[in-house]
Amino acid sequence: GGVEPLRNRIVSKYLEAFPAYDAESDAILLNKRSEEAIARARNTFIQALAVSSADSQIRATEFFSETVMRDAATSYVWDLEMTRLMGNEQQADDKAKLFVVFANIFIFTPLAWGFMSNVRMCVC
């Protein structure tokens, strides 16, 4: 039992999903990210249970540490982590798109107007 086998499984999921990571050189980072992912998933799990705090803590401990629940717990943690990462990626993508829009408005539009006014002067 315990959380360590689950953490190891999440580390393996990271290594499968992101080939740029190296099992040896990124071990500390991957262990930290895996522990954080498990902690976030555990909090989400506890919040989803509509039971007393003590009871939800017991159920969460069972779910995240029991050998028979290992596959389900791994899937639960990894699905939440991928959703979070995709959300972060979407936010970064949205910020990049917003930057392009602002760049068009504040940089390229004045340049285009300047170019157009110079062209008009030359034609006259």
Foldseek 3Di string as FASTA:
>chain_A
DDQVVLLVLQLVVCCVVPVVDDCPVCVVVSSVVSVVLLVVLLVVQLVVDPDDNVVSVVVSCCCNPPPVNSVVSSVSSVVVVVVVVVVVVVVVVVVVVVVVVVCCVPPVVVVVVVVVVVVVVVVD
